[in-house]
Amino acid sequence: MADLQDDPQNTSAIGELDQPTSAPASVPEPPPLGDDDGLDRARALLAAHPVADGHNTLAKALALTPWHDLEVGESALDTDIPRLRAGGVGAQFWALTDDTDITDPAGATLERLDRIRSLIASCPQWLRLALTAGDLADARNCGRIASFLGPVTAHALGDSLGTLRSYHVLGVRALALSPGTRWTEPGLSRFGLEVVREANRLGILLDLSGSTEGTWRRTLDASTAPALLSRSAAASLTRHPLNAADELLAELGAHGGVCLVSFAPEQIERSGSTVSVRDVADHIERVRDVAGPGHVGLSGTYGLSTGAPRTTGLEDASCYPNLIAELLDRGWTETEIAALTWDNLVRVVRDAEFTARATATRRAPSGATIEELDGP
């Protein structure tokens, strides 16, 4: 894992590749949906306002794929470079989450982290590691897909603030406060509050997807930086453990956060019917209505192998134009589309950085332990 110490922003090795590069000739077109004029307009909007996507599990899928070529195209997966570019993706959060029952969560997280870091390093003409909001803009200006690392799950910390700081050094910029530790369930404990404060100091975003009410309430009350839901939808439309109730969406919006709406069919299905782009659009509009137009974004939840359940019209990472065309047909303006695809998530990243800079001058790294705060 020596490559993890390389300077992610060193561009001396790529030289002339720092200029925008055209996509390979093999880039697929999204499946047709609606009229061609609507799709053409959607693609034009995405060229100007690319998607900052909140959740892709490719790191997990790569461990199960014996051979892959993501740069040319990969038929065994729903994500590769050609499809990301065809979909208008300009920034991607690469999820490092794992199952709560795994025996070595920290080890599994580091393996996934190394896998994604290696992928980014192997495709410098397409991908660029992003650690800050400024990196997002730089990658976009150079025609790269900005790559954020995270979230990692709470149980991957091993109840250690030192581990959280180590993840930050390795580039992780989001932490999921999901159930699975004694400090996140049934609600956030005193040690959990210290995790929130340390994440604020570091500039690590707090992901409330699937968290208990006791956890998300205490997090929003204690955090000085906005939080996010990296892969949620509206629980008022579809009941699912990862979906957010209207009360959470309203509080998230009031605290400046953002809900990134998932495309996963199990999170957006309604009445047992075929799940389509229209269902995703319904969830997006519900989140916008409750949280506010400045607090909704996109989470394709791609990074799956061929054969996984799909939402019709959003089968892979090339299909974002289909969703944008649907929203345009519903009367969304270019300004509203830009906020949805890019501006809202980037603002939250920027606000978390501002909080970290303001906090660093008055708060030293915490040496607290879970035993001291929560007892043995």
Protein backbone atom coordinates (compact mmCIF):
# COMPACT_ATOMS: atom_id res chain seq x y z
CA MET A 1 0.00 0.00 0.00
CA ALA A 2 2.98 2.29 -0.49
CA ASP A 3 1.12 4.13 -3.21
CA LEU A 4 -1.23 5.56 -0.61
CA GLN A 5 1.46 8.02 0.37
CA ASP A 6 1.83 9.46 -3.14
CA ASP A 7 0.91 13.11 -3.66
CA PRO A 8 -2.58 12.86 -5.21
CA GLN A 9 -2.29 16.29 -6.79
CA ASN A 10 1.12 15.72 -8.47
CA THR A 11 0.38 16.10 -12.17
CA SER A 12 3.97 16.07 -13.42
CA ALA A 13 3.58 12.50 -14.64
CA ILE A 14 0.63 13.29 -16.90
CA GLY A 15 1.78 16.57 -18.45
CA GLU A 16 -0.22 17.29 -21.52
CA LEU A 17 -3.07 15.12 -20.27
CA ASP A 18 -4.09 17.98 -17.97
CA GLN A 19 -6.16 19.32 -20.83
CA PRO A 20 -9.72 18.00 -21.31
CA THR A 21 -9.60 14.70 -23.14
CA SER A 22 -12.28 13.37 -25.45
CA ALA A 23 -14.07 10.17 -24.48
CA PRO A 24 -13.24 6.87 -26.21
CA ALA A 25 -15.18 6.03 -29.35
CA SER A 26 -16.76 3.10 -27.52
CA VAL A 27 -18.69 5.29 -25.07
CA PRO A 28 -22.26 3.92 -24.97
CA GLU A 29 -25.33 6.06 -25.38
CA PRO A 30 -27.95 5.94 -22.61
CA PRO A 31 -30.99 3.84 -23.45
CA PRO A 32 -33.59 5.99 -25.24
CA LEU A 33 -36.29 7.39 -23.03
CA GLY A 34 -38.65 10.10 -24.23
CA ASP A 35 -38.03 12.33 -27.23
CA ASP A 36 -34.57 12.92 -28.69
CA ASP A 37 -34.81 16.69 -28.17
CA GLY A 38 -35.29 16.17 -24.43
CA LEU A 39 -32.28 13.87 -24.20
CA ASP A 40 -30.14 16.20 -26.27
CA ARG A 41 -31.02 19.08 -23.97
CA ALA A 42 -30.32 16.90 -20.93
CA ARG A 43 -26.88 15.97 -22.25
CA ALA A 44 -26.11 19.61 -22.97
CA LEU A 45 -27.07 20.56 -19.42
CA LEU A 46 -24.92 17.78 -17.96
CA ALA A 47 -21.97 18.98 -20.03
CA ALA A 48 -22.32 22.35 -18.29
CA HIS A 49 -23.49 21.05 -14.89
CA PRO A 50 -22.10 17.52 -14.37
CA VAL A 51 -23.34 15.07 -11.78
CA ALA A 52 -21.67 14.92 -8.37
CA ASP A 53 -22.81 11.44 -7.39
CA GLY A 54 -22.96 10.41 -3.76
CA HIS A 55 -22.53 6.64 -3.67
CA ASN A 56 -20.85 4.00 -5.84
CA THR A 57 -19.84 0.60 -4.45
CA LEU A 58 -17.40 -0.32 -7.21
CA ALA A 59 -14.65 -0.98 -4.63
CA LYS A 60 -16.64 -3.94 -3.32
CA ALA A 61 -17.60 -5.20 -6.78
CA LEU A 62 -14.00 -5.18 -8.01
CA ALA A 63 -13.04 -7.71 -5.34
CA LEU A 64 -15.58 -10.13 -6.84
CA THR A 65 -14.63 -9.56 -10.49
CA PRO A 66 -11.65 -11.70 -11.56
CA TRP A 67 -10.80 -9.54 -14.58
CA HIS A 68 -11.92 -6.08 -15.57
CA ASP A 69 -11.04 -3.22 -17.89
CA LEU A 70 -12.77 -0.11 -16.59
CA GLU A 71 -10.92 2.23 -18.91
CA VAL A 72 -12.12 0.63 -22.15
CA GLY A 73 -15.43 -0.73 -20.86
CA GLU A 74 -16.60 -3.48 -18.54
CA SER A 75 -19.58 -5.68 -19.41
CA ALA A 76 -19.60 -7.44 -16.03
CA LEU A 77 -20.23 -4.22 -14.09
CA ASP A 78 -22.57 -1.22 -14.36
CA THR A 79 -19.74 1.29 -13.89
CA ASP A 80 -16.73 2.03 -16.06
CA ILE A 81 -15.02 5.13 -17.41
CA PRO A 82 -16.95 5.28 -20.72
CA ARG A 83 -20.30 5.03 -18.97
CA LEU A 84 -19.43 7.57 -16.30
CA ARG A 85 -18.44 10.04 -19.02
CA ALA A 86 -21.51 9.27 -21.13
CA GLY A 87 -23.65 9.87 -18.04
CA GLY A 88 -22.13 13.29 -17.40
CA VAL A 89 -20.57 12.34 -14.06
CA GLY A 90 -18.07 14.96 -12.94
CA ALA A 91 -17.53 13.83 -9.35
CA GLN A 92 -17.99 10.52 -7.57
CA PHE A 93 -17.99 9.41 -3.94
CA TRP A 94 -16.49 5.90 -3.91
CA ALA A 95 -18.14 4.11 -1.00
CA LEU A 96 -15.93 2.08 1.34
CA THR A 97 -18.78 0.71 3.45
CA ASP A 98 -19.00 -2.94 4.48
CA ASP A 99 -21.37 -5.31 6.26
CA THR A 100 -21.74 -4.96 10.03
CA ASP A 101 -21.08 -8.66 10.66
CA ILE A 102 -17.67 -8.71 8.96
CA THR A 103 -14.91 -9.99 11.24
CA ASP A 104 -12.28 -7.38 10.29
CA PRO A 105 -14.09 -4.19 9.23
CA ALA A 106 -10.98 -1.99 9.36
CA GLY A 107 -9.00 -4.43 7.23
CA ALA A 108 -11.82 -4.73 4.68
CA THR A 109 -12.14 -0.95 4.53
CA LEU A 110 -8.41 -0.51 3.93
CA GLU A 111 -8.50 -3.12 1.16
CA ARG A 112 -11.32 -1.24 -0.58
CA LEU A 113 -9.56 2.05 -0.04
CA ASP A 114 -6.40 0.68 -1.63
CA ARG A 115 -8.39 -0.77 -4.53
CA ILE A 116 -10.01 2.58 -5.37
CA ARG A 117 -6.78 4.52 -4.86
CA SER A 118 -5.08 2.13 -7.26
CA LEU A 119 -7.89 2.56 -9.78
CA ILE A 120 -7.60 6.35 -9.63
CA ALA A 121 -3.83 6.18 -10.03
CA SER A 122 -4.15 3.84 -13.03
CA CYS A 123 -6.50 6.21 -14.91
CA PRO A 124 -4.94 9.68 -14.53
CA GLN A 125 -6.41 10.88 -17.82
CA TRP A 126 -9.94 10.18 -16.57
CA LEU A 127 -9.93 10.27 -12.75
CA ARG A 128 -8.40 12.56 -10.14
CA LEU A 129 -8.35 12.13 -6.38
CA ALA A 130 -10.27 14.94 -4.66
CA LEU A 131 -9.69 15.98 -1.07
CA THR A 132 -11.29 19.44 -1.12
CA ALA A 133 -13.97 21.42 -2.90
CA GLY A 134 -11.15 23.15 -4.76
CA ASP A 135 -10.05 19.77 -6.08
CA LEU A 136 -13.56 19.27 -7.44
CA ALA A 137 -13.27 22.43 -9.50
CA ASP A 138 -9.74 21.61 -10.64
CA ALA A 139 -10.73 18.12 -11.80
CA ARG A 140 -13.76 19.48 -13.61
CA ASN A 141 -11.70 22.14 -15.38
CA CYS A 142 -9.22 19.47 -16.53
CA GLY A 143 -11.91 17.13 -17.83
CA ARG A 144 -11.39 14.58 -15.05
CA ILE A 145 -13.89 12.86 -12.77
CA ALA A 146 -13.16 14.08 -9.25
CA SER A 147 -12.95 11.08 -6.92
CA PHE A 148 -13.89 11.43 -3.25
CA LEU A 149 -13.22 8.55 -0.86
CA GLY A 150 -16.01 7.50 1.47
CA PRO A 151 -18.05 6.95 3.35
CA VAL A 152 -16.51 4.42 5.67
CA THR A 153 -18.85 2.86 8.22
CA ALA A 154 -18.80 3.63 11.93
CA HIS A 155 -17.80 0.10 12.95
CA ALA A 156 -14.68 0.36 10.75
CA LEU A 157 -13.27 2.86 13.29
CA GLY A 158 -12.81 0.16 15.92
CA ASP A 159 -14.04 2.66 18.56
CA SER A 160 -10.90 4.73 17.97
CA LEU A 161 -10.57 8.42 17.14
CA GLY A 162 -7.01 7.72 16.05
CA THR A 163 -8.35 5.41 13.36
CA LEU A 164 -10.68 8.19 12.17
CA ARG A 165 -7.67 10.51 11.84
CA SER A 166 -5.73 7.82 9.96
CA TYR A 167 -8.57 7.42 7.47
CA HIS A 168 -8.50 11.17 6.96
CA VAL A 169 -4.76 11.09 6.21
CA LEU A 170 -5.47 8.40 3.58
CA GLY A 171 -8.05 10.66 1.93
CA VAL A 172 -11.37 9.54 3.41
CA ARG A 173 -13.86 12.41 3.52
CA ALA A 174 -17.12 10.85 4.75
CA LEU A 175 -18.20 8.70 7.71
CA ALA A 176 -21.51 6.81 7.86
CA LEU A 177 -23.06 6.85 11.35
CA SER A 178 -25.08 3.72 10.66
CA PRO A 179 -26.03 1.24 13.39
CA GLY A 180 -23.51 -1.44 14.24
CA THR A 181 -21.50 0.00 17.13
CA ARG A 182 -22.33 0.58 20.76
CA TRP A 183 -21.90 4.32 20.29
CA THR A 184 -24.42 4.66 17.41
CA GLU A 185 -27.28 2.55 18.75
CA PRO A 186 -29.86 2.95 20.04
CA GLY A 187 -28.64 6.56 19.86
CA LEU A 188 -25.42 8.56 19.79
CA SER A 189 -23.43 8.13 23.02
CA ARG A 190 -20.94 10.53 24.61
CA PHE A 191 -18.16 8.89 22.59
CA GLY A 192 -20.33 9.23 19.51
CA LEU A 193 -20.59 12.96 20.15
CA GLU A 194 -16.80 13.11 20.37
CA VAL A 195 -16.62 11.36 16.98
CA VAL A 196 -18.92 14.07 15.57
CA ARG A 197 -16.71 16.84 16.99
CA GLU A 198 -13.53 15.21 15.69
CA ALA A 199 -15.07 14.71 12.23
CA ASN A 200 -16.01 18.41 12.20
CA ARG A 201 -12.42 19.31 13.10
CA LEU A 202 -11.05 17.17 10.28
CA GLY A 203 -13.61 18.17 7.66
CA ILE A 204 -15.07 14.67 7.35
CA LEU A 205 -18.70 14.67 6.25
CA LEU A 206 -21.18 12.84 8.46
CA ASP A 207 -23.50 10.49 6.58
CA LEU A 208 -26.83 9.81 8.33
CA SER A 209 -28.17 7.23 5.84
CA GLY A 210 -29.88 4.46 7.82
CA SER A 211 -29.04 5.97 11.21
CA THR A 212 -31.42 5.69 14.14
CA GLU A 213 -33.51 8.67 15.20
CA GLY A 214 -31.48 9.06 18.37
CA THR A 215 -28.29 9.22 16.31
CA TRP A 216 -29.41 11.65 13.62
CA ARG A 217 -31.06 14.01 16.10
CA ARG A 218 -27.99 14.25 18.34
CA THR A 219 -25.70 14.53 15.32
CA LEU A 220 -27.62 17.44 13.81
CA ASP A 221 -27.79 19.17 17.18
CA ALA A 222 -24.06 18.72 17.90
CA SER A 223 -22.46 19.13 14.48
CA THR A 224 -21.20 22.54 13.40
CA ALA A 225 -20.98 21.33 9.79
CA PRO A 226 -23.83 20.20 7.55
CA ALA A 227 -24.51 16.48 7.26
CA LEU A 228 -25.63 14.40 4.31
CA LEU A 229 -27.67 11.36 3.41
CA SER A 230 -25.48 9.64 0.81
CA ARG A 231 -28.04 7.08 -0.42
CA SER A 232 -31.54 7.78 0.79
CA ALA A 233 -34.99 8.44 -0.64
CA ALA A 234 -38.33 9.58 0.75
CA ALA A 235 -39.74 7.19 3.34
CA SER A 236 -43.15 8.81 2.85
CA LEU A 237 -43.19 7.24 -0.65
CA THR A 238 -41.30 3.99 -0.03
CA ARG A 239 -40.59 2.33 3.29
CA HIS A 240 -36.96 1.17 3.47
CA PRO A 241 -34.36 1.22 6.28
CA LEU A 242 -32.14 3.66 4.34
CA ASN A 243 -34.94 6.07 3.43
CA ALA A 244 -35.54 9.26 5.38
CA ALA A 245 -38.76 10.32 7.07
CA ASP A 246 -40.07 13.80 6.35
CA GLU A 247 -39.01 14.89 9.84
CA LEU A 248 -35.38 13.99 9.13
CA LEU A 249 -35.47 15.61 5.69
CA ALA A 250 -36.84 18.84 7.16
CA GLU A 251 -34.22 18.89 9.92
CA LEU A 252 -31.45 18.07 7.45
CA GLY A 253 -32.47 21.00 5.26
CA ALA A 254 -32.73 23.33 8.25
CA HIS A 255 -29.14 22.42 9.20
CA GLY A 256 -27.82 23.02 5.68
CA GLY A 257 -27.34 19.37 4.70
CA VAL A 258 -28.18 17.48 1.53
CA CYS A 259 -30.10 14.28 0.76
CA LEU A 260 -28.69 12.40 -2.23
CA VAL A 261 -31.57 10.40 -3.70
CA SER A 262 -30.82 6.74 -4.40
CA PHE A 263 -31.70 5.00 -7.67
CA ALA A 264 -31.79 1.54 -6.01
CA PRO A 265 -35.11 -0.08 -7.01
CA GLU A 266 -35.80 -1.46 -3.53
CA GLN A 267 -35.64 2.09 -2.15
CA ILE A 268 -38.00 3.69 -4.67
CA GLU A 269 -40.47 0.96 -5.66
CA ARG A 270 -44.15 1.67 -5.08
CA SER A 271 -47.12 -0.73 -5.11
CA GLY A 272 -45.07 -3.58 -6.53
CA SER A 273 -44.99 -2.06 -10.04
CA THR A 274 -41.96 -1.89 -12.33
CA VAL A 275 -39.55 0.71 -10.98
CA SER A 276 -38.74 3.45 -13.48
CA VAL A 277 -37.10 6.84 -13.92
CA ARG A 278 -40.41 8.44 -13.02
CA ASP A 279 -40.35 6.84 -9.57
CA VAL A 280 -36.88 8.28 -8.93
CA ALA A 281 -38.11 11.69 -10.10
CA ASP A 282 -41.05 11.42 -7.69
CA HIS A 283 -38.65 10.82 -4.79
CA ILE A 284 -36.41 13.70 -5.88
CA GLU A 285 -39.37 16.06 -5.95
CA ARG A 286 -40.61 14.84 -2.57
CA VAL A 287 -37.20 15.42 -0.99
CA ARG A 288 -37.02 18.85 -2.64
CA ASP A 289 -40.46 19.78 -1.32
CA VAL A 290 -39.63 18.75 2.27
CA ALA A 291 -35.90 19.55 2.65
CA GLY A 292 -35.80 22.45 0.19
CA PRO A 293 -34.38 22.92 -3.33
CA GLY A 294 -30.89 23.58 -1.97
CA HIS A 295 -30.78 20.26 -0.12
CA VAL A 296 -31.34 17.52 -2.72
CA GLY A 297 -28.82 15.71 -4.93
CA LEU A 298 -28.21 12.42 -6.72
CA SER A 299 -26.91 9.02 -5.65
CA GLY A 300 -26.90 6.49 -8.47
CA THR A 301 -25.89 3.68 -6.06
CA TYR A 302 -24.11 2.00 -8.95
CA GLY A 303 -21.02 -0.18 -8.66
CA LEU A 304 -22.92 -3.46 -9.02
CA SER A 305 -22.33 -6.57 -11.09
CA THR A 306 -24.38 -7.50 -14.13
CA GLY A 307 -27.64 -9.14 -13.13
CA ALA A 308 -28.36 -6.98 -10.08
CA PRO A 309 -31.88 -5.48 -9.87
CA ARG A 310 -32.16 -2.30 -11.94
CA THR A 311 -34.40 0.71 -12.27
CA THR A 312 -35.78 0.87 -15.81
CA GLY A 313 -34.08 3.70 -17.68
CA LEU A 314 -31.33 3.98 -15.07
CA GLU A 315 -29.62 0.65 -15.61
CA ASP A 316 -26.03 1.89 -15.44
CA ALA A 317 -23.88 4.98 -14.93
CA SER A 318 -24.48 6.23 -18.49
CA CYS A 319 -28.17 6.83 -17.85
CA TYR A 320 -28.26 10.14 -15.96
CA PRO A 321 -29.49 12.02 -19.08
CA ASN A 322 -32.71 9.99 -18.90
CA LEU A 323 -33.43 11.32 -15.43
CA ILE A 324 -32.56 14.90 -16.35
CA ALA A 325 -34.84 14.65 -19.41
CA GLU A 326 -37.67 13.49 -17.14
CA LEU A 327 -37.16 16.43 -14.79
CA LEU A 328 -37.01 18.87 -17.68
CA ASP A 329 -40.28 17.45 -18.92
CA ARG A 330 -41.72 18.21 -15.47
CA GLY A 331 -40.72 21.85 -15.79
CA TRP A 332 -37.41 21.97 -13.92
CA THR A 333 -35.23 24.93 -14.88
CA GLU A 334 -31.53 24.88 -15.70
CA THR A 335 -30.77 26.54 -12.35
CA GLU A 336 -32.71 23.84 -10.50
CA ILE A 337 -30.95 21.09 -12.46
CA ALA A 338 -27.53 22.62 -11.71
CA ALA A 339 -28.33 22.71 -7.99
CA LEU A 340 -29.46 19.08 -8.07
CA THR A 341 -26.55 17.67 -10.04
CA TRP A 342 -23.59 19.64 -8.69
CA ASP A 343 -24.07 22.76 -6.62
CA ASN A 344 -25.85 21.39 -3.54
CA LEU A 345 -23.36 18.62 -2.77
CA VAL A 346 -20.35 20.81 -3.54
CA ARG A 347 -21.68 23.47 -1.16
CA VAL A 348 -21.86 20.91 1.66
CA VAL A 349 -18.28 19.79 0.97
CA ARG A 350 -17.16 23.43 1.02
CA ASP A 351 -19.07 24.19 4.24
CA ALA A 352 -17.48 21.18 5.98
CA GLU A 353 -14.05 22.49 4.99
CA PHE A 354 -14.87 25.95 6.31
CA THR A 355 -15.94 24.42 9.63
CA ALA A 356 -12.71 22.41 9.81
CA ARG A 357 -10.54 25.48 9.25
CA ALA A 358 -12.45 27.45 11.87
CA THR A 359 -12.31 24.58 14.37
CA ALA A 360 -8.65 23.64 13.92
CA THR A 361 -7.44 26.87 15.53
CA ARG A 362 -9.25 26.20 18.79
CA ARG A 363 -9.49 22.41 19.08
CA ALA A 364 -6.60 19.97 19.32
CA PRO A 365 -6.93 16.34 18.20
CA SER A 366 -9.03 14.50 20.76
CA GLY A 367 -7.35 11.84 22.89
CA ALA A 368 -10.64 10.64 24.40
CA THR A 369 -11.39 6.92 24.51
CA ILE A 370 -14.70 5.10 24.50
CA GLU A 371 -13.90 3.65 27.92
CA GLU A 372 -13.45 7.11 29.41
CA LEU A 373 -16.67 8.51 27.92
CA ASP A 374 -19.04 5.52 27.77
CA GLY A 375 -17.57 3.20 30.37
CA PRO A 376 -16.24 -0.35 29.94
